[in-house]
């Protein structure tokens, strides 16, 4: 997720400042880094191992933001992980409180 946090924040700032082309390049780096998480999702049930952790919370947050732009057909393990985290009671409760879904 460290490969996602900085470019995501910088891209958001650049887009807000009218630098859409530069922001798009950073956004692509974010998508590439998230797609790279496929290998972690392939190795275990969760991103950092077999137990749910803060890595999953951080990863889910960024993946949720990028969800519509990810090539899910090429990321079956990441998709499985994302759906497993998304169905957790805490996530569903947050969705309800925020009026999402």
N, C-alpha and C. Protein backbone atom coordinates (compact mmCIF):
# COMPACT_ATOMS: atom_id res chain seq x y z
N UNK A 1 0.81 -1.19 0.00
CA UNK A 1 0.00 0.00 0.00
C UNK A 1 0.86 1.26 0.00
N UNK A 2 2.10 1.13 0.42
CA UNK A 2 2.96 2.31 0.39
C UNK A 2 3.18 2.77 -1.05
N UNK A 3 3.07 1.86 -2.02
CA UNK A 3 3.19 2.25 -3.42
C UNK A 3 1.93 2.92 -3.95
N UNK A 4 0.89 2.95 -3.15
CA UNK A 4 -0.37 3.54 -3.56
C UNK A 4 -0.62 4.89 -2.87
N UNK A 5 -0.25 4.99 -1.61
CA UNK A 5 -0.61 6.17 -0.82
C UNK A 5 -0.04 7.46 -1.41
N UNK A 6 1.24 7.51 -1.66
CA UNK A 6 1.86 8.76 -2.13
C UNK A 6 1.38 9.16 -3.52
N UNK A 7 1.43 8.26 -4.53
CA UNK A 7 0.95 8.70 -5.84
C UNK A 7 -0.54 9.06 -5.84
N UNK A 8 -1.33 8.38 -5.01
CA UNK A 8 -2.75 8.68 -4.95
C UNK A 8 -2.97 10.10 -4.41
N UNK A 9 -2.30 10.41 -3.34
CA UNK A 9 -2.44 11.76 -2.77
C UNK A 9 -1.92 12.84 -3.70
N UNK A 10 -0.78 12.58 -4.33
CA UNK A 10 -0.20 13.55 -5.26
C UNK A 10 -1.11 13.73 -6.48
N UNK A 11 -1.66 12.63 -6.97
CA UNK A 11 -2.57 12.71 -8.12
C UNK A 11 -3.81 13.51 -7.80
N UNK A 12 -4.36 13.30 -6.62
CA UNK A 12 -5.53 14.06 -6.18
C UNK A 12 -5.22 15.55 -6.17
N UNK A 13 -4.06 15.91 -5.60
CA UNK A 13 -3.65 17.32 -5.54
C UNK A 13 -3.47 17.89 -6.95
N UNK A 14 -2.78 17.15 -7.81
CA UNK A 14 -2.53 17.64 -9.17
C UNK A 14 -3.84 17.83 -9.95
N UNK A 15 -4.74 16.91 -9.81
CA UNK A 15 -6.03 17.02 -10.51
C UNK A 15 -6.78 18.25 -10.02
N UNK A 16 -6.76 18.46 -8.73
CA UNK A 16 -7.42 19.64 -8.14
C UNK A 16 -6.79 20.93 -8.64
N UNK A 17 -5.50 20.88 -8.94
CA UNK A 17 -4.77 22.06 -9.42
C UNK A 17 -4.82 22.22 -10.93
N UNK A 18 -5.61 21.40 -11.60
CA UNK A 18 -5.77 21.52 -13.05
C UNK A 18 -4.71 20.82 -13.87
N UNK A 19 -3.95 19.95 -13.26
CA UNK A 19 -2.89 19.21 -13.95
C UNK A 19 -3.38 17.79 -14.26
N UNK A 20 -4.40 17.69 -15.09
CA UNK A 20 -5.07 16.41 -15.36
C UNK A 20 -4.13 15.39 -15.98
N UNK A 21 -3.25 15.80 -16.88
CA UNK A 21 -2.35 14.84 -17.53
C UNK A 21 -1.39 14.22 -16.52
N UNK A 22 -0.80 15.04 -15.68
CA UNK A 22 0.11 14.53 -14.65
C UNK A 22 -0.65 13.65 -13.66
N UNK A 23 -1.85 14.07 -13.30
CA UNK A 23 -2.67 13.29 -12.37
C UNK A 23 -3.00 11.93 -12.96
N UNK A 24 -3.28 11.88 -14.25
CA UNK A 24 -3.62 10.61 -14.91
C UNK A 24 -2.45 9.63 -14.88
N UNK A 25 -1.23 10.14 -15.01
CA UNK A 25 -0.05 9.28 -14.95
C UNK A 25 0.10 8.67 -13.54
N UNK A 26 -0.13 9.49 -12.53
CA UNK A 26 -0.05 8.97 -11.16
C UNK A 26 -1.19 8.00 -10.88
N UNK A 27 -2.36 8.29 -11.41
CA UNK A 27 -3.48 7.39 -11.23
C UNK A 27 -3.16 6.01 -11.84
N UNK A 28 -2.50 6.00 -12.98
CA UNK A 28 -2.13 4.73 -13.60
C UNK A 28 -1.13 3.97 -12.72
N UNK A 29 -0.23 4.70 -12.09
CA UNK A 29 0.72 4.04 -11.15
C UNK A 29 -0.03 3.40 -9.99
N UNK A 30 -1.06 4.06 -9.51
CA UNK A 30 -1.88 3.52 -8.43
C UNK A 30 -2.55 2.23 -8.90
N UNK A 31 -3.15 2.26 -10.08
CA UNK A 31 -3.82 1.07 -10.61
C UNK A 31 -2.84 -0.07 -10.81
N UNK A 32 -1.64 0.24 -11.31
CA UNK A 32 -0.61 -0.79 -11.49
C UNK A 32 -0.18 -1.40 -10.16
N UNK A 33 -0.02 -0.56 -9.15
CA UNK A 33 0.37 -1.06 -7.83
C UNK A 33 -0.71 -1.93 -7.23
N UNK A 34 -1.97 -1.53 -7.39
CA UNK A 34 -3.06 -2.34 -6.87
C UNK A 34 -3.14 -3.68 -7.61
N UNK A 35 -2.93 -3.64 -8.91
CA UNK A 35 -2.91 -4.89 -9.68
C UNK A 35 -1.76 -5.78 -9.22
N UNK A 36 -0.66 -5.19 -8.80
CA UNK A 36 0.48 -5.95 -8.28
C UNK A 36 0.16 -6.67 -6.99
N UNK A 37 -0.88 -6.22 -6.30
CA UNK A 37 -1.29 -6.89 -5.06
C UNK A 37 -1.90 -8.26 -5.34
N UNK A 38 -2.16 -8.56 -6.60
CA UNK A 38 -2.68 -9.88 -6.98
C UNK A 38 -1.78 -10.99 -6.44
N UNK A 39 -0.47 -10.76 -6.47
CA UNK A 39 0.45 -11.81 -6.01
C UNK A 39 0.33 -12.05 -4.50
N UNK A 40 0.04 -11.01 -3.74
CA UNK A 40 -0.14 -11.18 -2.30
C UNK A 40 -1.45 -11.92 -2.02
N UNK A 41 -2.49 -11.56 -2.76
CA UNK A 41 -3.79 -12.21 -2.59
C UNK A 41 -3.74 -13.67 -3.04
N UNK A 42 -2.82 -13.98 -3.92
CA UNK A 42 -2.67 -15.35 -4.40
C UNK A 42 -2.01 -16.24 -3.34
N UNK A 43 -1.15 -15.65 -2.53
CA UNK A 43 -0.35 -16.40 -1.58
C UNK A 43 -1.09 -16.75 -0.29
N UNK A 44 -2.11 -15.97 0.06
CA UNK A 44 -2.80 -16.21 1.33
C UNK A 44 -4.22 -15.66 1.27
N UNK A 45 -4.96 -15.93 2.31
CA UNK A 45 -6.35 -15.49 2.35
C UNK A 45 -6.47 -13.97 2.38
N UNK A 46 -5.58 -13.34 3.13
CA UNK A 46 -5.59 -11.88 3.22
C UNK A 46 -4.27 -11.33 2.68
N UNK A 47 -4.14 -10.03 2.60
CA UNK A 47 -2.99 -9.40 1.96
C UNK A 47 -1.68 -9.71 2.68
N UNK A 48 -1.70 -9.71 4.01
CA UNK A 48 -0.45 -9.91 4.75
C UNK A 48 -0.38 -11.27 5.43
N UNK A 49 -1.21 -12.21 5.01
CA UNK A 49 -1.18 -13.54 5.61
C UNK A 49 -2.57 -14.12 5.73
N UNK A 50 -2.71 -15.10 6.60
CA UNK A 50 -3.99 -15.78 6.73
C UNK A 50 -4.97 -15.08 7.67
N UNK A 51 -4.49 -14.10 8.42
CA UNK A 51 -5.36 -13.35 9.33
C UNK A 51 -5.63 -11.95 8.82
N UNK A 52 -6.84 -11.47 9.06
CA UNK A 52 -7.24 -10.11 8.70
C UNK A 52 -6.39 -9.12 9.49
N UNK A 53 -5.87 -8.07 8.84
CA UNK A 53 -4.99 -7.12 9.52
C UNK A 53 -5.19 -5.70 9.01
N UNK A 54 -4.45 -4.79 9.57
CA UNK A 54 -4.48 -3.39 9.15
C UNK A 54 -4.10 -3.25 7.68
N UNK A 55 -3.29 -4.18 7.17
CA UNK A 55 -2.93 -4.15 5.75
C UNK A 55 -4.18 -4.33 4.88
N UNK A 56 -5.10 -5.15 5.33
CA UNK A 56 -6.34 -5.36 4.58
C UNK A 56 -7.24 -4.12 4.65
N UNK A 57 -7.27 -3.47 5.79
CA UNK A 57 -8.07 -2.26 5.92
C UNK A 57 -7.54 -1.17 4.99
N UNK A 58 -6.25 -0.95 5.02
CA UNK A 58 -5.65 0.06 4.14
C UNK A 58 -5.82 -0.33 2.68
N UNK A 59 -5.54 -1.58 2.37
CA UNK A 59 -5.66 -2.04 0.99
C UNK A 59 -7.08 -1.94 0.48
N UNK A 60 -8.04 -2.30 1.31
CA UNK A 60 -9.44 -2.24 0.90
C UNK A 60 -9.85 -0.80 0.60
N UNK A 61 -9.41 0.13 1.43
CA UNK A 61 -9.78 1.53 1.24
C UNK A 61 -9.35 2.03 -0.14
N UNK A 62 -8.11 1.77 -0.50
CA UNK A 62 -7.63 2.22 -1.80
C UNK A 62 -8.23 1.42 -2.95
N UNK A 63 -8.40 0.14 -2.74
CA UNK A 63 -8.97 -0.70 -3.79
C UNK A 63 -10.43 -0.32 -4.04
N UNK A 64 -11.14 0.01 -2.99
CA UNK A 64 -12.55 0.44 -3.14
C UNK A 64 -12.63 1.70 -3.97
N UNK A 65 -11.72 2.62 -3.75
CA UNK A 65 -11.67 3.87 -4.51
C UNK A 65 -11.41 3.59 -5.99
N UNK A 66 -10.53 2.65 -6.29
CA UNK A 66 -10.14 2.36 -7.67
C UNK A 66 -10.98 1.26 -8.30
N UNK A 67 -11.89 0.68 -7.55
CA UNK A 67 -12.65 -0.49 -7.99
C UNK A 67 -13.19 -0.40 -9.42
N UNK A 68 -13.82 0.68 -9.82
CA UNK A 68 -14.39 0.71 -11.17
C UNK A 68 -13.34 0.70 -12.29
N UNK A 69 -12.11 1.03 -11.96
CA UNK A 69 -11.07 1.14 -12.99
C UNK A 69 -10.10 -0.04 -13.01
N UNK A 70 -10.30 -1.02 -12.15
CA UNK A 70 -9.39 -2.17 -12.11
C UNK A 70 -9.84 -3.26 -13.08
N UNK A 71 -8.89 -3.96 -13.71
CA UNK A 71 -9.22 -5.05 -14.64
C UNK A 71 -9.51 -6.34 -13.88
N UNK A 72 -10.67 -6.43 -13.25
CA UNK A 72 -11.00 -7.53 -12.36
C UNK A 72 -10.90 -8.89 -13.04
N UNK A 73 -11.13 -8.95 -14.33
CA UNK A 73 -11.03 -10.24 -15.03
C UNK A 73 -9.62 -10.79 -15.02
N UNK A 74 -8.64 -9.92 -14.83
CA UNK A 74 -7.24 -10.36 -14.77
C UNK A 74 -6.71 -10.43 -13.34
N UNK A 75 -7.57 -10.19 -12.36
CA UNK A 75 -7.16 -10.16 -10.95
C UNK A 75 -8.08 -11.05 -10.11
N UNK A 76 -8.15 -12.34 -10.41
CA UNK A 76 -9.11 -13.20 -9.68
C UNK A 76 -8.84 -13.31 -8.19
N UNK A 77 -7.59 -13.33 -7.79
CA UNK A 77 -7.28 -13.45 -6.36
C UNK A 77 -7.54 -12.15 -5.62
N UNK A 78 -7.22 -11.05 -6.25
CA UNK A 78 -7.51 -9.75 -5.64
C UNK A 78 -9.02 -9.57 -5.53
N UNK A 79 -9.75 -10.00 -6.54
CA UNK A 79 -11.21 -9.92 -6.51
C UNK A 79 -11.77 -10.76 -5.37
N UNK A 80 -11.28 -11.98 -5.19
CA UNK A 80 -11.71 -12.85 -4.10
C UNK A 80 -11.45 -12.18 -2.76
N UNK A 81 -10.23 -11.63 -2.61
CA UNK A 81 -9.87 -10.93 -1.37
C UNK A 81 -10.79 -9.73 -1.14
N UNK A 82 -10.99 -8.91 -2.18
CA UNK A 82 -11.82 -7.72 -2.06
C UNK A 82 -13.22 -8.08 -1.62
N UNK A 83 -13.79 -9.09 -2.24
CA UNK A 83 -15.15 -9.50 -1.89
C UNK A 83 -15.21 -10.06 -0.47
N UNK A 84 -14.16 -10.76 -0.05
CA UNK A 84 -14.13 -11.29 1.32
C UNK A 84 -14.09 -10.16 2.34
N UNK A 85 -13.32 -9.14 2.07
CA UNK A 85 -13.24 -8.00 3.00
C UNK A 85 -14.54 -7.20 2.94
N UNK A 86 -15.06 -7.02 1.76
CA UNK A 86 -16.27 -6.20 1.60
C UNK A 86 -17.47 -6.79 2.33
N UNK A 87 -17.52 -8.11 2.44
CA UNK A 87 -18.67 -8.74 3.10
C UNK A 87 -18.52 -8.81 4.62
N UNK A 88 -17.40 -8.36 5.16
CA UNK A 88 -17.21 -8.39 6.62
C UNK A 88 -18.25 -7.48 7.28
N UNK A 89 -18.75 -7.87 8.42
CA UNK A 89 -19.78 -7.08 9.11
C UNK A 89 -19.37 -5.62 9.34
N UNK A 90 -18.12 -5.38 9.69
CA UNK A 90 -17.68 -4.00 9.92
C UNK A 90 -17.76 -3.14 8.67
N UNK A 91 -17.42 -3.71 7.54
CA UNK A 91 -17.49 -2.97 6.27
C UNK A 91 -18.95 -2.73 5.91
N UNK A 92 -19.78 -3.76 6.05
CA UNK A 92 -21.20 -3.60 5.74
C UNK A 92 -21.84 -2.55 6.65
N UNK A 93 -21.45 -2.55 7.92
CA UNK A 93 -21.96 -1.54 8.84
C UNK A 93 -21.54 -0.14 8.44
N UNK A 94 -20.30 0.01 8.00
CA UNK A 94 -19.82 1.32 7.55
C UNK A 94 -20.58 1.76 6.30
N UNK A 95 -20.79 0.85 5.38
CA UNK A 95 -21.58 1.17 4.19
C UNK A 95 -22.97 1.68 4.60
N UNK A 96 -23.60 1.01 5.54
CA UNK A 96 -24.93 1.40 5.99
C UNK A 96 -24.91 2.78 6.60
N UNK A 97 -23.94 3.02 7.50
CA UNK A 97 -23.86 4.33 8.17
C UNK A 97 -23.59 5.45 7.18
N UNK A 98 -22.86 5.16 6.12
CA UNK A 98 -22.53 6.18 5.12
C UNK A 98 -23.55 6.26 3.99
N UNK A 99 -24.54 5.39 4.01
CA UNK A 99 -25.55 5.38 2.96
C UNK A 99 -25.00 4.86 1.63
N UNK A 100 -24.04 3.96 1.70
CA UNK A 100 -23.43 3.39 0.49
C UNK A 100 -24.09 2.06 0.18
N UNK A 101 -24.14 1.76 -1.08
CA UNK A 101 -24.69 0.49 -1.60
C UNK A 101 -26.15 0.47 -1.53
